[in-house]
């Protein structure tokens, strides 16, 4: 499965858990777990909300598509 988001990494960098994010956002813990494992993706609107909660630029939540040379 191709990684699309970096949510799990960003949470780890901030020493936060998926359970914490689920509680703060009022989402099911299983849903957030699927986002963190890249099994499912939140909507763009939800990505923006996550970025606000984590106080990061929304671009930090995505894996870069630009190839490094």
N, C-alpha and C. Protein backbone atom coordinates (compact mmCIF):
# COMPACT_ATOMS: atom_id res chain seq x y z
N UNK A 1 0.84 -1.17 0.00
CA UNK A 1 0.00 0.00 0.00
C UNK A 1 0.89 1.25 0.00
N UNK A 2 0.60 2.13 -0.92
CA UNK A 2 1.41 3.34 -1.05
C UNK A 2 1.06 4.34 0.04
N UNK A 3 2.09 4.91 0.65
CA UNK A 3 1.87 5.93 1.67
C UNK A 3 1.46 7.24 1.00
N UNK A 4 0.40 7.82 1.51
CA UNK A 4 -0.09 9.10 1.00
C UNK A 4 0.08 10.17 2.06
N UNK A 5 -0.24 9.80 3.31
CA UNK A 5 -0.12 10.80 4.36
C UNK A 5 0.97 10.42 5.37
N UNK A 6 1.40 11.42 6.12
CA UNK A 6 2.44 11.27 7.15
C UNK A 6 1.86 11.44 8.55
N UNK A 7 0.56 11.21 8.68
CA UNK A 7 -0.11 11.48 9.94
C UNK A 7 0.53 10.74 11.11
N UNK A 8 0.83 9.47 10.92
CA UNK A 8 1.44 8.68 11.99
C UNK A 8 2.79 9.30 12.41
N UNK A 9 3.58 9.73 11.43
CA UNK A 9 4.88 10.33 11.71
C UNK A 9 4.74 11.66 12.46
N UNK A 10 3.82 12.48 12.00
CA UNK A 10 3.63 13.79 12.63
C UNK A 10 3.15 13.62 14.06
N UNK A 11 2.24 12.68 14.28
CA UNK A 11 1.78 12.42 15.65
C UNK A 11 2.96 11.97 16.52
N UNK A 12 3.80 11.09 16.00
CA UNK A 12 4.96 10.61 16.76
C UNK A 12 5.93 11.75 17.07
N UNK A 13 6.16 12.62 16.09
CA UNK A 13 7.05 13.76 16.29
C UNK A 13 6.55 14.66 17.42
N UNK A 14 5.22 14.74 17.56
CA UNK A 14 4.64 15.59 18.60
C UNK A 14 4.31 14.80 19.87
N UNK A 15 4.72 13.53 19.89
CA UNK A 15 4.47 12.66 21.04
C UNK A 15 2.99 12.59 21.37
N UNK A 16 2.19 12.46 20.31
CA UNK A 16 0.74 12.31 20.41
C UNK A 16 0.35 10.95 19.87
N UNK A 17 -0.86 10.53 20.20
CA UNK A 17 -1.34 9.23 19.72
C UNK A 17 -2.57 9.40 18.84
N UNK A 18 -2.87 8.35 18.10
CA UNK A 18 -4.09 8.34 17.31
C UNK A 18 -5.31 8.44 18.20
N UNK A 19 -5.24 7.82 19.36
CA UNK A 19 -6.36 7.89 20.32
C UNK A 19 -6.60 9.33 20.74
N UNK A 20 -5.53 10.05 21.03
CA UNK A 20 -5.65 11.46 21.39
C UNK A 20 -6.31 12.26 20.27
N UNK A 21 -5.83 12.05 19.03
CA UNK A 21 -6.38 12.78 17.88
C UNK A 21 -7.86 12.46 17.71
N UNK A 22 -8.23 11.19 17.85
CA UNK A 22 -9.63 10.80 17.72
C UNK A 22 -10.49 11.52 18.75
N UNK A 23 -10.01 11.60 19.98
CA UNK A 23 -10.77 12.27 21.04
C UNK A 23 -10.93 13.75 20.76
N UNK A 24 -9.83 14.40 20.37
CA UNK A 24 -9.85 15.84 20.11
C UNK A 24 -10.77 16.18 18.94
N UNK A 25 -10.76 15.32 17.92
CA UNK A 25 -11.55 15.60 16.72
C UNK A 25 -12.95 15.01 16.76
N UNK A 26 -13.25 14.24 17.79
CA UNK A 26 -14.57 13.63 17.89
C UNK A 26 -14.79 12.55 16.84
N UNK A 27 -13.71 11.82 16.53
CA UNK A 27 -13.78 10.75 15.53
C UNK A 27 -13.60 9.40 16.20
N UNK A 28 -14.01 8.36 15.51
CA UNK A 28 -13.83 7.01 16.00
C UNK A 28 -12.35 6.66 15.96
N UNK A 29 -11.87 6.01 17.00
CA UNK A 29 -10.46 5.64 17.09
C UNK A 29 -10.03 4.74 15.92
N UNK A 30 -10.93 3.85 15.49
CA UNK A 30 -10.62 2.95 14.37
C UNK A 30 -10.45 3.73 13.07
N UNK A 31 -11.22 4.78 12.90
CA UNK A 31 -11.11 5.62 11.70
C UNK A 31 -9.75 6.29 11.66
N UNK A 32 -9.34 6.87 12.78
CA UNK A 32 -8.04 7.54 12.84
C UNK A 32 -6.91 6.52 12.64
N UNK A 33 -7.09 5.32 13.16
CA UNK A 33 -6.10 4.26 12.96
C UNK A 33 -5.94 3.94 11.48
N UNK A 34 -7.03 3.89 10.75
CA UNK A 34 -6.96 3.63 9.29
C UNK A 34 -6.26 4.77 8.57
N UNK A 35 -6.48 6.00 9.03
CA UNK A 35 -5.77 7.14 8.44
C UNK A 35 -4.28 7.02 8.69
N UNK A 36 -3.91 6.67 9.92
CA UNK A 36 -2.49 6.58 10.29
C UNK A 36 -1.77 5.46 9.56
N UNK A 37 -2.48 4.42 9.21
CA UNK A 37 -1.87 3.29 8.50
C UNK A 37 -2.00 3.43 6.98
N UNK A 38 -2.60 4.52 6.53
CA UNK A 38 -2.82 4.78 5.11
C UNK A 38 -3.76 3.78 4.46
N UNK A 39 -4.57 3.09 5.27
CA UNK A 39 -5.59 2.18 4.73
C UNK A 39 -6.77 2.97 4.20
N UNK A 40 -6.95 4.18 4.72
CA UNK A 40 -8.00 5.10 4.27
C UNK A 40 -7.45 6.51 4.41
N UNK A 41 -8.08 7.44 3.70
CA UNK A 41 -7.64 8.83 3.75
C UNK A 41 -8.79 9.73 4.16
N UNK A 42 -8.52 10.70 5.02
CA UNK A 42 -9.56 11.68 5.35
C UNK A 42 -9.79 12.62 4.17
N UNK A 43 -10.88 13.35 4.23
CA UNK A 43 -11.15 14.34 3.19
C UNK A 43 -10.16 15.50 3.34
N UNK A 44 -10.08 16.32 2.33
CA UNK A 44 -9.21 17.49 2.39
C UNK A 44 -9.62 18.38 3.55
N UNK A 45 -10.91 18.55 3.74
CA UNK A 45 -11.41 19.38 4.85
C UNK A 45 -10.92 18.83 6.20
N UNK A 46 -10.95 17.51 6.36
CA UNK A 46 -10.48 16.88 7.60
C UNK A 46 -8.97 17.05 7.74
N UNK A 47 -8.23 16.92 6.62
CA UNK A 47 -6.78 17.16 6.69
C UNK A 47 -6.49 18.56 7.21
N UNK A 48 -7.26 19.54 6.77
CA UNK A 48 -7.06 20.93 7.23
C UNK A 48 -7.35 21.02 8.72
N UNK A 49 -8.41 20.37 9.18
CA UNK A 49 -8.73 20.37 10.61
C UNK A 49 -7.62 19.70 11.43
N UNK A 50 -7.10 18.59 10.91
CA UNK A 50 -6.00 17.90 11.60
C UNK A 50 -4.79 18.82 11.70
N UNK A 51 -4.47 19.50 10.61
CA UNK A 51 -3.33 20.41 10.61
C UNK A 51 -3.52 21.51 11.65
N UNK A 52 -4.74 22.01 11.77
CA UNK A 52 -5.01 23.05 12.77
C UNK A 52 -4.84 22.52 14.18
N UNK A 53 -5.36 21.31 14.43
CA UNK A 53 -5.24 20.70 15.75
C UNK A 53 -3.78 20.47 16.12
N UNK A 54 -2.98 20.02 15.14
CA UNK A 54 -1.57 19.73 15.38
C UNK A 54 -0.67 20.95 15.21
N UNK A 55 -1.25 22.06 14.79
CA UNK A 55 -0.51 23.31 14.58
C UNK A 55 0.65 23.12 13.61
N UNK A 56 0.34 22.50 12.45
CA UNK A 56 1.33 22.32 11.39
C UNK A 56 0.73 22.79 10.07
N UNK A 57 1.60 23.05 9.12
CA UNK A 57 1.15 23.34 7.76
C UNK A 57 0.55 22.06 7.20
N UNK A 58 -0.57 22.14 6.54
CA UNK A 58 -1.24 20.95 6.02
C UNK A 58 -0.32 20.14 5.11
N UNK A 59 0.63 20.80 4.45
CA UNK A 59 1.55 20.09 3.55
C UNK A 59 2.43 19.11 4.30
N UNK A 60 2.65 19.34 5.59
CA UNK A 60 3.47 18.42 6.39
C UNK A 60 2.79 17.08 6.60
N UNK A 61 1.48 17.03 6.34
CA UNK A 61 0.74 15.78 6.54
C UNK A 61 0.80 14.85 5.34
N UNK A 62 1.40 15.30 4.25
CA UNK A 62 1.45 14.50 3.03
C UNK A 62 2.86 14.05 2.68
N UNK A 63 2.95 12.88 2.09
CA UNK A 63 4.20 12.38 1.55
C UNK A 63 4.46 13.15 0.24
N UNK A 64 5.65 13.65 0.07
CA UNK A 64 5.98 14.40 -1.13
C UNK A 64 5.90 13.53 -2.38
N UNK A 65 5.37 14.09 -3.43
CA UNK A 65 5.30 13.39 -4.72
C UNK A 65 6.47 13.76 -5.61
N UNK A 66 7.25 14.73 -5.18
CA UNK A 66 8.39 15.18 -5.96
C UNK A 66 9.55 14.22 -5.76
N UNK A 67 10.10 13.75 -6.86
CA UNK A 67 11.24 12.83 -6.79
C UNK A 67 12.51 13.60 -6.50
N UNK A 68 13.30 13.06 -5.60
CA UNK A 68 14.58 13.69 -5.27
C UNK A 68 15.64 13.19 -6.23
N UNK A 69 16.48 14.11 -6.64
CA UNK A 69 17.53 13.76 -7.60
C UNK A 69 18.87 13.73 -6.93
